[in-house]
Amino acid sequence: MGSLVLPPAIEIRAGTTDRLVIQLLADNDPIDLTGIDHVEIELRDARRNTYKYSSDDVSPIVGVYDTTQGKVYLDPTTTLFKAICSPYLFYVWIVDSELKRYSVPEEVEGLIKVRKNY
């Protein structure tokens, strides 16, 4: 269905709780998220641990940031991103109003690089 906006890698520091905003594109145009049911983000660290988050969770840390511009967000907890587990691969599931799931990107996963704290 689509691809991620560049840059191909997001770089952060371990333990960050800063909001990460990810723009979803299809053929270089923002994916309109109007009317979707929810979004999910799946992460996999270098140790092959998988983390799944949904905007339908009781206390969601993911959601839609800008509907018409195809932007979603992830509000990481202080324990989510660890330098020793870097890099993290991720993709986003868009679940439409008919509960059909579309992953973005389809071709390759997004990348999050995590730097150590001093």
N, C-alpha and C. Protein backbone atom coordinates (compact mmCIF):
# COMPACT_ATOMS: atom_id res chain seq x y z
N MET A 1 0.81 -1.19 0.00
CA MET A 1 0.00 0.00 0.00
C MET A 1 0.85 1.25 0.00
N GLY A 2 2.03 1.21 0.67
CA GLY A 2 2.76 2.46 0.73
C GLY A 2 4.16 2.32 1.25
N SER A 3 4.79 3.45 1.46
CA SER A 3 6.16 3.49 1.94
C SER A 3 6.28 4.58 2.98
N LEU A 4 7.43 4.60 3.65
CA LEU A 4 7.68 5.61 4.67
C LEU A 4 8.33 6.83 4.06
N VAL A 5 8.16 7.95 4.72
CA VAL A 5 8.85 9.15 4.30
C VAL A 5 10.32 9.03 4.66
N LEU A 6 11.19 9.66 3.91
CA LEU A 6 12.60 9.70 4.24
C LEU A 6 12.81 10.67 5.39
N PRO A 7 13.82 10.55 6.24
CA PRO A 7 14.96 9.68 6.10
C PRO A 7 14.60 8.24 6.42
N PRO A 8 15.36 7.32 5.84
CA PRO A 8 15.04 5.90 6.04
C PRO A 8 15.28 5.43 7.46
N ALA A 9 16.15 6.13 8.22
CA ALA A 9 16.43 5.72 9.59
C ALA A 9 16.12 6.87 10.54
N ILE A 10 15.48 6.53 11.64
CA ILE A 10 15.23 7.48 12.71
C ILE A 10 16.33 7.24 13.74
N GLU A 11 16.97 8.29 14.21
CA GLU A 11 18.02 8.14 15.21
C GLU A 11 17.60 8.79 16.50
N ILE A 12 17.69 8.03 17.60
CA ILE A 12 17.27 8.52 18.92
C ILE A 12 18.27 8.08 19.97
N ARG A 13 18.12 8.61 21.17
CA ARG A 13 18.95 8.21 22.30
C ARG A 13 18.18 7.22 23.17
N ALA A 14 18.89 6.25 23.76
CA ALA A 14 18.27 5.25 24.62
C ALA A 14 17.46 5.93 25.72
N GLY A 15 16.30 5.38 26.00
CA GLY A 15 15.46 5.89 27.08
C GLY A 15 14.61 7.09 26.73
N THR A 16 14.66 7.54 25.47
CA THR A 16 13.87 8.71 25.11
C THR A 16 12.38 8.46 25.28
N THR A 17 11.68 9.52 25.65
CA THR A 17 10.22 9.49 25.68
C THR A 17 9.66 10.53 24.72
N ASP A 18 10.53 11.10 23.89
CA ASP A 18 10.08 12.05 22.88
C ASP A 18 9.19 11.35 21.86
N ARG A 19 8.12 12.02 21.48
CA ARG A 19 7.19 11.48 20.47
C ARG A 19 7.90 11.32 19.13
N LEU A 20 7.76 10.15 18.52
CA LEU A 20 8.26 9.90 17.17
C LEU A 20 7.07 10.02 16.22
N VAL A 21 7.20 10.87 15.21
CA VAL A 21 6.14 11.05 14.22
C VAL A 21 6.63 10.45 12.91
N ILE A 22 5.82 9.59 12.34
CA ILE A 22 6.17 8.86 11.12
C ILE A 22 5.13 9.18 10.06
N GLN A 23 5.60 9.61 8.89
CA GLN A 23 4.66 9.90 7.81
C GLN A 23 4.56 8.70 6.88
N LEU A 24 3.34 8.31 6.57
CA LEU A 24 3.08 7.17 5.69
C LEU A 24 2.72 7.69 4.31
N LEU A 25 3.37 7.10 3.31
CA LEU A 25 3.18 7.54 1.94
C LEU A 25 2.79 6.38 1.04
N ALA A 26 2.04 6.68 0.00
CA ALA A 26 1.75 5.75 -1.09
C ALA A 26 2.06 6.49 -2.38
N ASP A 27 3.00 5.98 -3.15
CA ASP A 27 3.42 6.66 -4.38
C ASP A 27 3.82 8.11 -4.11
N ASN A 28 4.54 8.33 -3.03
CA ASN A 28 5.06 9.63 -2.60
C ASN A 28 3.98 10.63 -2.17
N ASP A 29 2.75 10.17 -2.00
CA ASP A 29 1.67 11.02 -1.51
C ASP A 29 1.25 10.54 -0.12
N PRO A 30 0.92 11.47 0.79
CA PRO A 30 0.47 11.06 2.12
C PRO A 30 -0.77 10.16 2.03
N ILE A 31 -0.80 9.13 2.86
CA ILE A 31 -1.95 8.24 2.94
C ILE A 31 -3.00 8.91 3.82
N ASP A 32 -4.18 9.13 3.29
CA ASP A 32 -5.25 9.75 4.06
C ASP A 32 -5.80 8.72 5.05
N LEU A 33 -5.70 9.03 6.33
CA LEU A 33 -6.13 8.10 7.38
C LEU A 33 -7.54 8.40 7.89
N THR A 34 -8.26 9.26 7.18
CA THR A 34 -9.63 9.59 7.56
C THR A 34 -10.49 8.33 7.51
N GLY A 35 -11.23 8.09 8.55
CA GLY A 35 -12.18 6.97 8.56
C GLY A 35 -11.59 5.62 8.89
N ILE A 36 -10.30 5.54 9.22
CA ILE A 36 -9.75 4.23 9.58
C ILE A 36 -10.24 3.84 10.97
N ASP A 37 -10.15 2.56 11.28
CA ASP A 37 -10.54 2.08 12.60
C ASP A 37 -9.43 2.33 13.63
N HIS A 38 -8.20 1.92 13.30
CA HIS A 38 -7.07 2.16 14.19
C HIS A 38 -5.76 1.88 13.47
N VAL A 39 -4.65 2.20 14.14
CA VAL A 39 -3.31 1.90 13.62
C VAL A 39 -2.56 1.06 14.64
N GLU A 40 -1.62 0.28 14.14
CA GLU A 40 -0.76 -0.54 14.99
C GLU A 40 0.68 -0.36 14.52
N ILE A 41 1.61 -0.43 15.45
CA ILE A 41 3.03 -0.39 15.11
C ILE A 41 3.67 -1.65 15.66
N GLU A 42 4.44 -2.34 14.82
CA GLU A 42 5.19 -3.51 15.24
C GLU A 42 6.67 -3.20 15.12
N LEU A 43 7.40 -3.47 16.20
CA LEU A 43 8.85 -3.26 16.27
C LEU A 43 9.53 -4.59 16.50
N ARG A 44 10.74 -4.74 15.96
CA ARG A 44 11.57 -5.91 16.26
C ARG A 44 12.98 -5.43 16.53
N ASP A 45 13.53 -5.78 17.67
CA ASP A 45 14.88 -5.34 17.99
C ASP A 45 15.92 -6.30 17.43
N ALA A 46 17.19 -5.97 17.60
CA ALA A 46 18.29 -6.77 17.05
C ALA A 46 18.35 -8.16 17.66
N ARG A 47 17.75 -8.33 18.81
CA ARG A 47 17.71 -9.65 19.46
C ARG A 47 16.48 -10.45 19.05
N ARG A 48 15.72 -9.89 18.11
CA ARG A 48 14.53 -10.51 17.53
C ARG A 48 13.33 -10.54 18.47
N ASN A 49 13.34 -9.69 19.50
CA ASN A 49 12.16 -9.50 20.33
C ASN A 49 11.17 -8.63 19.57
N THR A 50 9.90 -8.96 19.66
CA THR A 50 8.87 -8.21 18.94
C THR A 50 8.00 -7.45 19.94
N TYR A 51 7.65 -6.22 19.57
CA TYR A 51 6.81 -5.35 20.38
C TYR A 51 5.66 -4.88 19.50
N LYS A 52 4.44 -5.01 20.00
CA LYS A 52 3.26 -4.63 19.23
C LYS A 52 2.44 -3.63 20.03
N TYR A 53 2.07 -2.53 19.37
CA TYR A 53 1.29 -1.48 20.01
C TYR A 53 0.14 -1.09 19.09
N SER A 54 -0.99 -0.78 19.69
CA SER A 54 -2.19 -0.42 18.92
C SER A 54 -2.83 0.84 19.50
N SER A 55 -3.42 1.62 18.63
CA SER A 55 -4.17 2.78 19.12
C SER A 55 -5.45 2.33 19.82
N ASP A 56 -5.78 1.04 19.73
CA ASP A 56 -6.93 0.47 20.44
C ASP A 56 -6.58 -0.01 21.85
N ASP A 57 -5.29 0.04 22.23
CA ASP A 57 -4.88 -0.40 23.57
C ASP A 57 -5.56 0.47 24.62
N VAL A 58 -5.64 -0.03 25.84
CA VAL A 58 -6.27 0.71 26.94
C VAL A 58 -5.55 2.03 27.18
N SER A 59 -4.23 2.01 27.22
CA SER A 59 -3.42 3.23 27.34
C SER A 59 -2.50 3.30 26.13
N PRO A 60 -3.02 3.75 25.00
CA PRO A 60 -2.24 3.68 23.76
C PRO A 60 -1.01 4.59 23.77
N ILE A 61 0.08 4.07 23.20
CA ILE A 61 1.27 4.89 22.99
C ILE A 61 1.47 5.16 21.50
N VAL A 62 0.53 4.68 20.68
CA VAL A 62 0.54 4.96 19.25
C VAL A 62 -0.82 5.52 18.85
N GLY A 63 -0.84 6.28 17.76
CA GLY A 63 -2.09 6.82 17.27
C GLY A 63 -1.87 7.64 16.02
N VAL A 64 -2.93 8.25 15.56
CA VAL A 64 -2.87 9.10 14.37
C VAL A 64 -2.50 10.51 14.83
N TYR A 65 -1.47 11.06 14.23
CA TYR A 65 -0.98 12.40 14.55
C TYR A 65 -1.62 13.46 13.64
N ASP A 66 -1.71 13.15 12.34
CA ASP A 66 -2.30 14.06 11.36
C ASP A 66 -3.01 13.20 10.31
N THR A 67 -4.32 13.20 10.35
CA THR A 67 -5.12 12.32 9.51
C THR A 67 -4.88 12.53 8.02
N THR A 68 -5.00 13.77 7.55
CA THR A 68 -4.91 14.02 6.11
C THR A 68 -3.48 13.94 5.58
N GLN A 69 -2.48 14.13 6.45
CA GLN A 69 -1.09 14.04 6.02
C GLN A 69 -0.49 12.65 6.24
N GLY A 70 -1.28 11.71 6.70
CA GLY A 70 -0.82 10.34 6.85
C GLY A 70 0.25 10.16 7.91
N LYS A 71 0.16 10.90 9.00
CA LYS A 71 1.18 10.81 10.04
C LYS A 71 0.65 10.07 11.26
N VAL A 72 1.47 9.15 11.76
CA VAL A 72 1.17 8.42 12.98
C VAL A 72 2.27 8.73 14.00
N TYR A 73 1.98 8.43 15.27
CA TYR A 73 2.99 8.71 16.30
C TYR A 73 3.21 7.49 17.17
N LEU A 74 4.37 7.49 17.82
CA LEU A 74 4.73 6.52 18.84
C LEU A 74 5.31 7.31 20.00
N ASP A 75 4.71 7.17 21.20
CA ASP A 75 5.21 7.79 22.41
C ASP A 75 5.91 6.71 23.23
N PRO A 76 7.22 6.53 23.04
CA PRO A 76 7.91 5.42 23.72
C PRO A 76 7.99 5.61 25.23
N THR A 77 8.00 4.50 25.93
CA THR A 77 8.26 4.52 27.37
C THR A 77 9.78 4.59 27.56
N THR A 78 10.23 4.91 28.77
CA THR A 78 11.68 5.03 29.03
C THR A 78 12.41 3.70 28.84
N THR A 79 11.70 2.60 28.90
CA THR A 79 12.35 1.28 28.80
C THR A 79 12.25 0.65 27.42
N LEU A 80 11.57 1.30 26.48
CA LEU A 80 11.36 0.67 25.18
C LEU A 80 12.64 0.58 24.35
N PHE A 81 13.32 1.68 24.14
CA PHE A 81 14.47 1.70 23.25
C PHE A 81 15.78 1.60 24.03
N LYS A 82 16.53 0.53 23.77
CA LYS A 82 17.81 0.28 24.43
C LYS A 82 18.90 0.21 23.36
N ALA A 83 20.02 0.85 23.61
CA ALA A 83 21.12 0.85 22.64
C ALA A 83 21.62 -0.56 22.37
N ILE A 84 21.67 -1.40 23.38
CA ILE A 84 22.17 -2.76 23.22
C ILE A 84 21.27 -3.60 22.29
N CYS A 85 20.02 -3.18 22.12
CA CYS A 85 19.07 -3.91 21.27
C CYS A 85 18.90 -3.26 19.90
N SER A 86 19.68 -2.23 19.62
CA SER A 86 19.59 -1.49 18.36
C SER A 86 20.27 -2.28 17.25
N PRO A 87 19.77 -2.15 16.03
CA PRO A 87 18.68 -1.32 15.55
C PRO A 87 17.33 -2.03 15.70
N TYR A 88 16.29 -1.23 15.64
CA TYR A 88 14.92 -1.72 15.67
C TYR A 88 14.33 -1.56 14.28
N LEU A 89 13.68 -2.60 13.80
CA LEU A 89 12.93 -2.53 12.55
C LEU A 89 11.46 -2.33 12.91
N PHE A 90 10.73 -1.62 12.07
CA PHE A 90 9.31 -1.41 12.37
C PHE A 90 8.50 -1.26 11.10
N TYR A 91 7.21 -1.48 11.25
CA TYR A 91 6.24 -1.15 10.21
C TYR A 91 4.92 -0.83 10.89
N VAL A 92 4.03 -0.23 10.13
CA VAL A 92 2.74 0.23 10.65
C VAL A 92 1.63 -0.54 9.95
N TRP A 93 0.66 -0.98 10.74
CA TRP A 93 -0.56 -1.55 10.19
C TRP A 93 -1.64 -0.49 10.21
N ILE A 94 -2.30 -0.31 9.10
CA ILE A 94 -3.49 0.54 9.02
C ILE A 94 -4.67 -0.42 8.96
N VAL A 95 -5.59 -0.27 9.90
CA VAL A 95 -6.78 -1.12 9.94
C VAL A 95 -7.96 -0.23 9.58
N ASP A 96 -8.57 -0.53 8.43
CA ASP A 96 -9.65 0.34 7.94
C ASP A 96 -10.97 0.04 8.64
N SER A 97 -12.01 0.76 8.26
CA SER A 97 -13.31 0.63 8.91
C SER A 97 -13.94 -0.75 8.70
N GLU A 98 -13.47 -1.48 7.70
CA GLU A 98 -13.96 -2.85 7.46
C GLU A 98 -13.03 -3.88 8.10
N LEU A 99 -12.08 -3.40 8.91
CA LEU A 99 -11.10 -4.21 9.62
C LEU A 99 -10.14 -4.96 8.69
N LYS A 100 -9.92 -4.42 7.49
CA LYS A 100 -8.88 -4.92 6.60
C LYS A 100 -7.57 -4.27 7.02
N ARG A 101 -6.48 -5.05 7.01
CA ARG A 101 -5.18 -4.56 7.47
C ARG A 101 -4.24 -4.34 6.29
N TYR A 102 -3.53 -3.20 6.32
CA TYR A 102 -2.55 -2.86 5.30
C TYR A 102 -1.26 -2.47 6.01
N SER A 103 -0.15 -3.07 5.62
CA SER A 103 1.11 -2.69 6.26
C SER A 103 1.82 -1.63 5.43
N VAL A 104 2.46 -0.71 6.13
CA VAL A 104 3.24 0.35 5.50
C VAL A 104 4.55 0.41 6.25
N PRO A 105 5.68 0.28 5.63
CA PRO A 105 5.84 0.02 4.20
C PRO A 105 5.68 -1.45 3.88
N GLU A 106 5.43 -1.76 2.64
CA GLU A 106 5.33 -3.14 2.17
C GLU A 106 6.70 -3.70 1.79
N GLU A 107 7.53 -2.85 1.18
CA GLU A 107 8.77 -3.31 0.57
C GLU A 107 9.87 -3.62 1.57
N VAL A 108 10.04 -2.76 2.57
CA VAL A 108 11.12 -2.89 3.53
C VAL A 108 10.68 -2.22 4.83
N GLU A 109 11.20 -2.70 5.95
CA GLU A 109 10.82 -2.11 7.24
C GLU A 109 11.52 -0.78 7.46
N GLY A 110 10.91 0.05 8.31
CA GLY A 110 11.56 1.27 8.76
C GLY A 110 12.65 0.89 9.76
N LEU A 111 13.55 1.82 10.04
CA LEU A 111 14.69 1.54 10.91
C LEU A 111 14.81 2.62 11.97
N ILE A 112 15.01 2.18 13.21
CA ILE A 112 15.28 3.11 14.31
C ILE A 112 16.62 2.71 14.92
N LYS A 113 17.58 3.65 14.91
CA LYS A 113 18.89 3.43 15.51
C LYS A 113 18.90 4.10 16.87
N VAL A 114 19.39 3.40 17.86
CA VAL A 114 19.40 3.91 19.23
C VAL A 114 20.85 4.09 19.71
N ARG A 115 21.16 5.33 20.13
CA ARG A 115 22.49 5.64 20.66
C ARG A 115 22.50 5.47 22.18
N LYS A 116 23.68 5.19 22.72
CA LYS A 116 23.84 5.07 24.18
C LYS A 116 23.75 6.44 24.84
N ASN A 117 23.38 6.41 26.11
CA ASN A 117 23.49 7.60 26.96
C ASN A 117 24.92 7.65 27.47
N TYR A 118 25.41 8.82 27.82
CA TYR A 118 26.77 8.92 28.35
C TYR A 118 26.78 8.50 29.79
